Structure formats: C-alpha cells, structure tokens
Amino acid sequence: MASRKDGAVAEIEKKIIEAFEVFDHECNKTVDVREIGSIVRSLGCFPTEAELHELLAKVEEEEPTGYINLEKFLPVMTKVLLDRSYQPIPEDVLLHAFEVSLKRIFIKTKCLFCLSGEPFTEEEMEDMLSTALDPETNTVRYRDYISMMIVDET
C-alpha cells in the first residue's frame, strides 16, 4: 500500500516539475513569481487570485526576490494536488458562463472576467486567446475551448 502511495506522489511531483520547467527559462530551478498562476492552472487547479496569493505566501522567501524556487514550490504544490485544494470548474458551469455572456454582450477581450469575478490580466488574455481563438474565423469556439480546459480526474 505504501509503495502505491509513494508512486502516486512521485507521479504528481513529476508533473509539477515538468510544468515548472516550462517556465524556468534560465534552467536554474526558479521561475518569475508572475508565472506561478500559469503553472498552477496548467496542473488543473483554478484558485482565485486571493487563494493564489495565499499559495505564494507559502513558497516565497522571507525577503521576496520576484522568483520562486522549485525546492520550495514542489512540496506546497504536491500537497495542493494531493488534497485537491483547487478543483477545476465543471464543464457545464463553464459552458453556461460562456452562453450567458454571449447572449448578453459581444465579448471584447478587455471585458472578460474569470468566473471568480476577477478581471483577466493582459497576460492571461493572451494565453487564452492564443489557445481559444480560431485563426481562420477570428472567433472563439467556446465549446471546443471548454473541452480543452476540462481536467480529466480519472
């Protein structure tokens, strides 16, 4: 039983390290603190901005440098994933949010808000549109985009 649990932890840690390394541009086991939200979301966790700040407080140095070290991030993020702290938003809730938005207003990139009610940052908008925008029609096919966002928890 213990080896199965150890194997699951090792697999989780491997996923975290892989996600972290994508943003470790200097290959020195550190990332810019502004990248942590993207890393956390790429792992299927969707904290609010307040929850993200709490997470950062757990991993930041006593004197913040603007960078997060993998050594400090790994155990905190492993616990988050093991505890399933920031569950993904269900597909039907995302679909409903897009449908309601589209019925009420024409979505402009500067007007989009996260489901938590907080506005997207410019960087988050660029990330979303680089994935969601159909280059041929210059539209967001929200049903397709939502299916990419859903995390399979099996």
N, C-alpha and C. Protein backbone atom coordinates (compact mmCIF):
# COMPACT_ATOMS: atom_id res chain seq x y z
N MET A 1 0.83 -1.19 0.00
CA MET A 1 0.00 0.00 0.00
C MET A 1 0.88 1.26 0.00
N ALA A 2 1.95 1.25 0.80
CA ALA A 2 2.81 2.42 0.89
C ALA A 2 3.49 2.70 -0.44
N SER A 3 3.90 1.65 -1.15
CA SER A 3 4.58 1.87 -2.44
C SER A 3 3.63 2.47 -3.46
N ARG A 4 2.33 2.12 -3.41
CA ARG A 4 1.35 2.71 -4.32
C ARG A 4 1.21 4.19 -4.04
N LYS A 5 1.17 4.56 -2.75
CA LYS A 5 1.07 5.97 -2.37
C LYS A 5 2.34 6.72 -2.77
N ASP A 6 3.50 6.12 -2.53
CA ASP A 6 4.76 6.73 -2.92
C ASP A 6 4.81 6.93 -4.43
N GLY A 7 4.30 5.96 -5.18
CA GLY A 7 4.26 6.06 -6.64
C GLY A 7 3.38 7.20 -7.10
N ALA A 8 2.24 7.37 -6.44
CA ALA A 8 1.33 8.46 -6.78
C ALA A 8 1.96 9.81 -6.49
N VAL A 9 2.65 9.93 -5.36
CA VAL A 9 3.34 11.17 -5.01
C VAL A 9 4.44 11.46 -6.02
N ALA A 10 5.19 10.43 -6.38
CA ALA A 10 6.27 10.61 -7.36
C ALA A 10 5.71 11.07 -8.70
N GLU A 11 4.58 10.53 -9.10
CA GLU A 11 3.95 10.92 -10.37
C GLU A 11 3.48 12.38 -10.31
N ILE A 12 2.91 12.76 -9.19
CA ILE A 12 2.46 14.15 -9.01
C ILE A 12 3.66 15.09 -9.04
N GLU A 13 4.71 14.73 -8.33
CA GLU A 13 5.91 15.57 -8.31
C GLU A 13 6.51 15.70 -9.71
N LYS A 14 6.48 14.64 -10.48
CA LYS A 14 7.00 14.67 -11.85
C LYS A 14 6.19 15.67 -12.69
N LYS A 15 4.86 15.64 -12.56
CA LYS A 15 4.01 16.58 -13.31
C LYS A 15 4.31 18.03 -12.91
N ILE A 16 4.49 18.25 -11.62
CA ILE A 16 4.78 19.61 -11.13
C ILE A 16 6.12 20.08 -11.69
N ILE A 17 7.12 19.24 -11.62
CA ILE A 17 8.44 19.61 -12.12
C ILE A 17 8.39 19.92 -13.61
N GLU A 18 7.69 19.09 -14.38
CA GLU A 18 7.56 19.33 -15.82
C GLU A 18 6.88 20.67 -16.10
N ALA A 19 5.81 20.96 -15.37
CA ALA A 19 5.10 22.23 -15.56
C ALA A 19 5.99 23.41 -15.16
N PHE A 20 6.73 23.25 -14.08
CA PHE A 20 7.62 24.30 -13.59
C PHE A 20 8.72 24.58 -14.62
N GLU A 21 9.29 23.51 -15.17
CA GLU A 21 10.40 23.66 -16.11
C GLU A 21 10.02 24.40 -17.38
N VAL A 22 8.76 24.34 -17.76
CA VAL A 22 8.31 25.08 -18.95
C VAL A 22 8.57 26.58 -18.76
N PHE A 23 8.46 27.06 -17.54
CA PHE A 23 8.60 28.49 -17.24
C PHE A 23 9.98 28.84 -16.66
N ASP A 24 10.82 27.84 -16.49
CA ASP A 24 12.17 28.05 -15.96
C ASP A 24 13.11 28.37 -17.12
N HIS A 25 13.03 29.59 -17.62
CA HIS A 25 13.74 29.99 -18.83
C HIS A 25 15.26 29.99 -18.66
N GLU A 26 15.74 30.18 -17.45
CA GLU A 26 17.18 30.20 -17.19
C GLU A 26 17.72 28.83 -16.79
N CYS A 27 16.82 27.84 -16.67
CA CYS A 27 17.20 26.47 -16.26
C CYS A 27 17.97 26.47 -14.95
N ASN A 28 17.50 27.30 -14.00
CA ASN A 28 18.16 27.37 -12.70
C ASN A 28 17.22 27.04 -11.54
N LYS A 29 16.17 26.30 -11.86
CA LYS A 29 15.19 25.84 -10.86
C LYS A 29 14.46 27.01 -10.19
N THR A 30 14.29 28.12 -10.92
CA THR A 30 13.49 29.24 -10.44
C THR A 30 12.62 29.75 -11.57
N VAL A 31 11.47 30.33 -11.18
CA VAL A 31 10.60 30.98 -12.16
C VAL A 31 10.18 32.34 -11.61
N ASP A 32 9.83 33.21 -12.50
CA ASP A 32 9.29 34.51 -12.13
C ASP A 32 7.99 34.27 -11.35
N VAL A 33 7.82 35.00 -10.28
CA VAL A 33 6.63 34.82 -9.42
C VAL A 33 5.34 35.02 -10.22
N ARG A 34 5.38 35.83 -11.27
CA ARG A 34 4.19 36.09 -12.09
C ARG A 34 3.78 34.88 -12.91
N GLU A 35 4.63 33.87 -13.00
CA GLU A 35 4.32 32.66 -13.77
C GLU A 35 3.62 31.59 -12.94
N ILE A 36 3.60 31.76 -11.64
CA ILE A 36 3.05 30.71 -10.76
C ILE A 36 1.58 30.42 -11.08
N GLY A 37 0.80 31.45 -11.32
CA GLY A 37 -0.62 31.23 -11.67
C GLY A 37 -0.77 30.35 -12.89
N SER A 38 0.05 30.59 -13.91
CA SER A 38 0.01 29.77 -15.13
C SER A 38 0.42 28.33 -14.84
N ILE A 39 1.43 28.16 -14.00
CA ILE A 39 1.88 26.81 -13.65
C ILE A 39 0.78 26.07 -12.90
N VAL A 40 0.20 26.73 -11.92
CA VAL A 40 -0.85 26.11 -11.11
C VAL A 40 -2.03 25.72 -11.99
N ARG A 41 -2.44 26.62 -12.87
CA ARG A 41 -3.58 26.34 -13.76
C ARG A 41 -3.25 25.22 -14.74
N SER A 42 -2.00 25.15 -15.20
CA SER A 42 -1.62 24.08 -16.13
C SER A 42 -1.70 22.71 -15.47
N LEU A 43 -1.69 22.70 -14.15
CA LEU A 43 -1.80 21.45 -13.38
C LEU A 43 -3.25 21.13 -13.02
N GLY A 44 -4.18 21.88 -13.61
CA GLY A 44 -5.60 21.59 -13.40
C GLY A 44 -6.19 22.19 -12.14
N CYS A 45 -5.51 23.17 -11.56
CA CYS A 45 -6.01 23.84 -10.36
C CYS A 45 -6.41 25.27 -10.73
N PHE A 46 -7.51 25.71 -10.22
CA PHE A 46 -8.02 27.02 -10.58
C PHE A 46 -8.36 27.84 -9.34
N PRO A 47 -7.31 28.30 -8.64
CA PRO A 47 -7.56 29.13 -7.44
C PRO A 47 -7.99 30.53 -7.83
N THR A 48 -8.67 31.20 -6.90
CA THR A 48 -8.96 32.62 -7.08
C THR A 48 -7.66 33.37 -6.90
N GLU A 49 -7.67 34.65 -7.21
CA GLU A 49 -6.45 35.45 -7.01
C GLU A 49 -6.06 35.46 -5.54
N ALA A 50 -7.04 35.55 -4.64
CA ALA A 50 -6.75 35.54 -3.20
C ALA A 50 -6.09 34.22 -2.80
N GLU A 51 -6.61 33.10 -3.31
CA GLU A 51 -6.03 31.80 -3.00
C GLU A 51 -4.62 31.67 -3.58
N LEU A 52 -4.42 32.25 -4.76
CA LEU A 52 -3.09 32.22 -5.38
C LEU A 52 -2.09 33.02 -4.54
N HIS A 53 -2.52 34.15 -4.00
CA HIS A 53 -1.65 34.95 -3.13
C HIS A 53 -1.31 34.18 -1.85
N GLU A 54 -2.28 33.44 -1.32
CA GLU A 54 -2.02 32.60 -0.14
C GLU A 54 -0.98 31.53 -0.47
N LEU A 55 -1.12 30.91 -1.63
CA LEU A 55 -0.17 29.90 -2.07
C LEU A 55 1.22 30.50 -2.21
N LEU A 56 1.30 31.67 -2.81
CA LEU A 56 2.59 32.34 -2.98
C LEU A 56 3.22 32.66 -1.63
N ALA A 57 2.41 33.05 -0.67
CA ALA A 57 2.93 33.37 0.66
C ALA A 57 3.59 32.15 1.29
N LYS A 58 3.12 30.97 0.94
CA LYS A 58 3.70 29.74 1.50
C LYS A 58 5.05 29.40 0.87
N VAL A 59 5.29 29.87 -0.36
CA VAL A 59 6.51 29.46 -1.05
C VAL A 59 7.53 30.58 -1.25
N GLU A 60 7.12 31.82 -1.02
CA GLU A 60 8.05 32.93 -1.22
C GLU A 60 9.08 32.99 -0.11
N GLU A 61 10.20 33.53 -0.46
CA GLU A 61 11.28 33.75 0.50
C GLU A 61 10.82 34.77 1.55
N GLU A 62 11.54 34.82 2.66
CA GLU A 62 11.24 35.82 3.69
C GLU A 62 11.36 37.22 3.09
N GLU A 63 12.36 37.41 2.27
CA GLU A 63 12.53 38.67 1.54
C GLU A 63 12.27 38.36 0.07
N PRO A 64 11.08 38.68 -0.43
CA PRO A 64 10.72 38.32 -1.79
C PRO A 64 11.73 38.84 -2.83
N THR A 65 12.10 37.93 -3.73
CA THR A 65 13.07 38.27 -4.78
C THR A 65 12.41 38.45 -6.13
N GLY A 66 11.13 38.08 -6.22
CA GLY A 66 10.44 38.09 -7.51
C GLY A 66 10.54 36.76 -8.22
N TYR A 67 11.23 35.80 -7.59
CA TYR A 67 11.39 34.47 -8.17
C TYR A 67 11.00 33.41 -7.16
N ILE A 68 10.50 32.30 -7.67
CA ILE A 68 10.10 31.18 -6.83
C ILE A 68 11.01 30.00 -7.15
N ASN A 69 11.53 29.37 -6.11
CA ASN A 69 12.43 28.24 -6.25
C ASN A 69 11.63 26.95 -6.28
N LEU A 70 12.00 26.05 -7.18
CA LEU A 70 11.32 24.76 -7.29
C LEU A 70 11.33 24.00 -5.97
N GLU A 71 12.43 24.06 -5.24
CA GLU A 71 12.57 23.35 -3.98
C GLU A 71 11.48 23.74 -2.97
N LYS A 72 11.10 25.01 -2.98
CA LYS A 72 10.05 25.47 -2.06
C LYS A 72 8.66 25.26 -2.64
N PHE A 73 8.55 25.35 -3.97
CA PHE A 73 7.25 25.22 -4.64
C PHE A 73 6.77 23.77 -4.65
N LEU A 74 7.67 22.83 -4.87
CA LEU A 74 7.30 21.42 -5.05
C LEU A 74 6.50 20.83 -3.89
N PRO A 75 6.94 20.96 -2.64
CA PRO A 75 6.14 20.34 -1.56
C PRO A 75 4.79 21.02 -1.35
N VAL A 76 4.74 22.33 -1.54
CA VAL A 76 3.46 23.05 -1.37
C VAL A 76 2.49 22.63 -2.45
N MET A 77 2.96 22.59 -3.71
CA MET A 77 2.08 22.23 -4.81
C MET A 77 1.70 20.76 -4.77
N THR A 78 2.61 19.91 -4.30
CA THR A 78 2.28 18.49 -4.15
C THR A 78 1.13 18.32 -3.18
N LYS A 79 1.17 19.03 -2.06
CA LYS A 79 0.08 18.97 -1.08
C LYS A 79 -1.23 19.49 -1.69
N VAL A 80 -1.15 20.57 -2.47
CA VAL A 80 -2.34 21.12 -3.13
C VAL A 80 -2.98 20.06 -4.02
N LEU A 81 -2.16 19.38 -4.81
CA LEU A 81 -2.71 18.36 -5.72
C LEU A 81 -3.22 17.13 -4.97
N LEU A 82 -2.49 16.71 -3.94
CA LEU A 82 -2.95 15.56 -3.16
C LEU A 82 -4.27 15.85 -2.44
N ASP A 83 -4.39 17.08 -1.93
CA ASP A 83 -5.60 17.47 -1.21
C ASP A 83 -6.72 17.92 -2.13
N ARG A 84 -6.41 18.04 -3.44
CA ARG A 84 -7.37 18.54 -4.43
C ARG A 84 -7.95 19.88 -3.96
N SER A 85 -7.05 20.77 -3.58
CA SER A 85 -7.44 22.05 -2.98
C SER A 85 -8.19 22.98 -3.91
N TYR A 86 -7.79 23.06 -5.16
CA TYR A 86 -8.41 23.99 -6.10
C TYR A 86 -8.99 23.21 -7.26
N GLN A 87 -10.18 22.72 -7.06
CA GLN A 87 -10.81 21.88 -8.06
C GLN A 87 -11.15 22.66 -9.32
N PRO A 88 -11.07 21.99 -10.46
CA PRO A 88 -11.44 22.65 -11.71
C PRO A 88 -12.93 22.95 -11.72
N ILE A 89 -13.27 23.95 -12.50
CA ILE A 89 -14.66 24.33 -12.65
C ILE A 89 -15.33 23.31 -13.57
N PRO A 90 -16.50 22.80 -13.20
CA PRO A 90 -17.16 21.79 -14.03
C PRO A 90 -17.50 22.32 -15.43
N GLU A 91 -17.47 21.43 -16.40
CA GLU A 91 -17.72 21.81 -17.79
C GLU A 91 -19.05 22.50 -17.97
N ASP A 92 -20.11 22.01 -17.31
CA ASP A 92 -21.43 22.61 -17.51
C ASP A 92 -21.47 24.05 -16.97
N VAL A 93 -20.73 24.34 -15.92
CA VAL A 93 -20.68 25.71 -15.38
C VAL A 93 -19.94 26.62 -16.36
N LEU A 94 -18.82 26.15 -16.92
CA LEU A 94 -18.09 26.95 -17.91
C LEU A 94 -18.94 27.21 -19.14
N LEU A 95 -19.60 26.18 -19.63
CA LEU A 95 -20.43 26.32 -20.82
C LEU A 95 -21.55 27.33 -20.57
N HIS A 96 -22.19 27.23 -19.42
CA HIS A 96 -23.26 28.16 -19.08
C HIS A 96 -22.73 29.60 -19.01
N ALA A 97 -21.56 29.78 -18.42
CA ALA A 97 -20.99 31.12 -18.30
C ALA A 97 -20.73 31.73 -19.68
N PHE A 98 -20.19 30.94 -20.61
CA PHE A 98 -19.96 31.43 -21.96
C PHE A 98 -21.27 31.75 -22.66
N GLU A 99 -22.25 30.86 -22.53
CA GLU A 99 -23.52 31.07 -23.22
C GLU A 99 -24.22 32.32 -22.70
N VAL A 100 -24.23 32.52 -21.39
CA VAL A 100 -24.85 33.71 -20.81
C VAL A 100 -24.14 34.97 -21.29
N SER A 101 -22.81 34.92 -21.28
CA SER A 101 -22.04 36.08 -21.73
C SER A 101 -22.33 36.42 -23.18
N LEU A 102 -22.41 35.40 -24.00
CA LEU A 102 -22.62 35.65 -25.42
C LEU A 102 -24.03 36.15 -25.70
N LYS A 103 -24.99 35.76 -24.91
CA LYS A 103 -26.36 36.24 -25.12
C LYS A 103 -26.50 37.69 -24.68
N ARG A 104 -25.75 38.11 -23.67
CA ARG A 104 -25.91 39.45 -23.12
C ARG A 104 -25.05 40.49 -23.82
N ILE A 105 -23.83 40.11 -24.15
CA ILE A 105 -22.91 41.10 -24.71
C ILE A 105 -22.05 40.47 -25.78
N PHE A 106 -21.48 41.29 -26.62
CA PHE A 106 -20.44 40.85 -27.53
C PHE A 106 -19.16 40.85 -26.72
N ILE A 107 -18.52 39.72 -26.63
CA ILE A 107 -17.34 39.63 -25.79
C ILE A 107 -16.19 40.40 -26.43
N LYS A 108 -15.68 41.35 -25.69
CA LYS A 108 -14.48 42.07 -26.08
C LYS A 108 -13.40 41.63 -25.11
N THR A 109 -12.19 41.50 -25.60
CA THR A 109 -11.13 40.93 -24.76
C THR A 109 -10.90 41.74 -23.50
N LYS A 110 -11.09 43.02 -23.51
CA LYS A 110 -10.84 43.84 -22.33
C LYS A 110 -11.96 43.69 -21.29
N CYS A 111 -13.06 43.06 -21.66
CA CYS A 111 -14.22 42.96 -20.75
C CYS A 111 -14.38 41.58 -20.14
N LEU A 112 -13.53 40.65 -20.47
CA LEU A 112 -13.68 39.30 -19.93
C LEU A 112 -13.23 39.22 -18.49
N PHE A 113 -13.97 38.46 -17.72
CA PHE A 113 -13.65 38.25 -16.32
C PHE A 113 -13.59 36.76 -16.05
N CYS A 114 -12.75 36.38 -15.11
CA CYS A 114 -12.70 34.99 -14.67
C CYS A 114 -14.03 34.67 -14.00
N LEU A 115 -14.34 33.40 -13.87
CA LEU A 115 -15.57 33.01 -13.19
C LEU A 115 -15.55 33.42 -11.72
N SER A 116 -14.38 33.72 -11.20
CA SER A 116 -14.29 34.17 -9.81
C SER A 116 -14.73 35.63 -9.70
N GLY A 117 -14.99 36.29 -10.84
CA GLY A 117 -15.40 37.69 -10.83
C GLY A 117 -14.26 38.66 -10.95
N GLU A 118 -13.05 38.13 -11.07
CA GLU A 118 -11.87 38.98 -11.17
C GLU A 118 -11.49 39.14 -12.63
N PRO A 119 -11.04 40.33 -13.04
CA PRO A 119 -10.70 40.52 -14.46
C PRO A 119 -9.46 39.72 -14.84
N PHE A 120 -9.44 39.27 -16.10
CA PHE A 120 -8.25 38.62 -16.62
C PHE A 120 -7.13 39.65 -16.71
N THR A 121 -5.92 39.23 -16.45
CA THR A 121 -4.77 40.09 -16.71
C THR A 121 -4.51 40.05 -18.21
N GLU A 122 -3.74 41.00 -18.70
CA GLU A 122 -3.43 41.02 -20.13
C GLU A 122 -2.71 39.74 -20.54
N GLU A 123 -1.81 39.26 -19.69
CA GLU A 123 -1.08 38.02 -19.98
C GLU A 123 -2.03 36.83 -20.04
N GLU A 124 -2.99 36.75 -19.11
CA GLU A 124 -3.97 35.66 -19.12
C GLU A 124 -4.82 35.71 -20.38
N MET A 125 -5.18 36.92 -20.81
CA MET A 125 -5.97 37.07 -22.04
C MET A 125 -5.18 36.58 -23.24
N GLU A 126 -3.91 36.94 -23.31
CA GLU A 126 -3.07 36.50 -24.43
C GLU A 126 -2.95 34.98 -24.44
N ASP A 127 -2.75 34.38 -23.25
CA ASP A 127 -2.66 32.93 -23.16
C ASP A 127 -3.96 32.28 -23.63
N MET A 128 -5.09 32.80 -23.15
CA MET A 128 -6.37 32.22 -23.50
C MET A 128 -6.62 32.35 -25.00
N LEU A 129 -6.41 33.55 -25.55
CA LEU A 129 -6.71 33.77 -26.95
C LEU A 129 -5.77 33.00 -27.87
N SER A 130 -4.54 32.78 -27.44
CA SER A 130 -3.62 32.01 -28.27
C SER A 130 -4.10 30.57 -28.42
N THR A 131 -4.84 30.09 -27.44
CA THR A 131 -5.39 28.74 -27.48
C THR A 131 -6.81 28.71 -28.02
N ALA A 132 -7.63 29.67 -27.64
CA ALA A 132 -9.06 29.62 -27.93
C ALA A 132 -9.46 30.22 -29.27
N LEU A 133 -8.70 31.15 -29.77
CA LEU A 133 -9.10 31.88 -30.98
C LEU A 133 -8.86 31.03 -32.22
N ASP A 134 -9.91 30.87 -33.01
CA ASP A 134 -9.80 30.16 -34.28
C ASP A 134 -9.17 31.12 -35.28
N PRO A 135 -7.96 30.82 -35.77
CA PRO A 135 -7.26 31.77 -36.64
C PRO A 135 -7.96 32.01 -37.98
N GLU A 136 -8.75 31.04 -38.43
CA GLU A 136 -9.44 31.20 -39.72
C GLU A 136 -10.64 32.14 -39.62
N THR A 137 -11.40 32.02 -38.52
CA THR A 137 -12.62 32.83 -38.38
C THR A 137 -12.44 33.99 -37.41
N ASN A 138 -11.31 34.00 -36.68
CA ASN A 138 -11.04 35.02 -35.67
C ASN A 138 -12.14 35.08 -34.60
N THR A 139 -12.68 33.91 -34.27
CA THR A 139 -13.71 33.81 -33.23
C THR A 139 -13.28 32.77 -32.21
N VAL A 140 -13.90 32.82 -31.06
CA VAL A 140 -13.67 31.82 -30.03
C VAL A 140 -14.78 30.80 -30.12
N ARG A 141 -14.41 29.58 -30.40
CA ARG A 141 -15.37 28.48 -30.40
C ARG A 141 -15.39 27.93 -28.98
N TYR A 142 -16.26 28.52 -28.17
CA TYR A 142 -16.19 28.28 -26.74
C TYR A 142 -16.45 26.83 -26.36
N ARG A 143 -17.25 26.10 -27.10
CA ARG A 143 -17.47 24.69 -26.75
C ARG A 143 -16.16 23.90 -26.91
N ASP A 144 -15.43 24.17 -27.99
CA ASP A 144 -14.14 23.50 -28.19
C ASP A 144 -13.14 23.93 -27.13
N TYR A 145 -13.13 25.22 -26.81
CA TYR A 145 -12.18 25.74 -25.82
C TYR A 145 -12.46 25.14 -24.44
N ILE A 146 -13.71 25.03 -24.09
CA ILE A 146 -14.06 24.45 -22.79
C ILE A 146 -13.59 23.01 -22.71
N SER A 147 -13.74 22.26 -23.80
CA SER A 147 -13.30 20.86 -23.75
C SER A 147 -11.79 20.76 -23.55
N MET A 148 -11.03 21.77 -24.01
CA MET A 148 -9.58 21.78 -23.76
C MET A 148 -9.27 22.12 -22.30
N MET A 149 -10.16 22.87 -21.66
CA MET A 149 -9.91 23.32 -20.29
C MET A 149 -10.25 22.28 -19.25
N ILE A 150 -11.10 21.34 -19.60
CA ILE A 150 -11.57 20.35 -18.64
C ILE A 150 -10.44 19.40 -18.26
N VAL A 151 -10.31 19.14 -16.98
CA VAL A 151 -9.28 18.25 -16.45
C VAL A 151 -9.92 16.90 -16.19
N ASP A 152 -9.34 15.87 -16.77
CA ASP A 152 -9.81 14.51 -16.54
C ASP A 152 -9.23 14.04 -15.22
N GLU A 153 -10.08 13.78 -14.25
CA GLU A 153 -9.61 13.41 -12.91
C GLU A 153 -9.53 11.90 -12.71
N THR A 154 -9.59 11.15 -13.78
CA THR A 154 -9.52 9.69 -13.62
C THR A 154 -8.09 9.22 -13.55
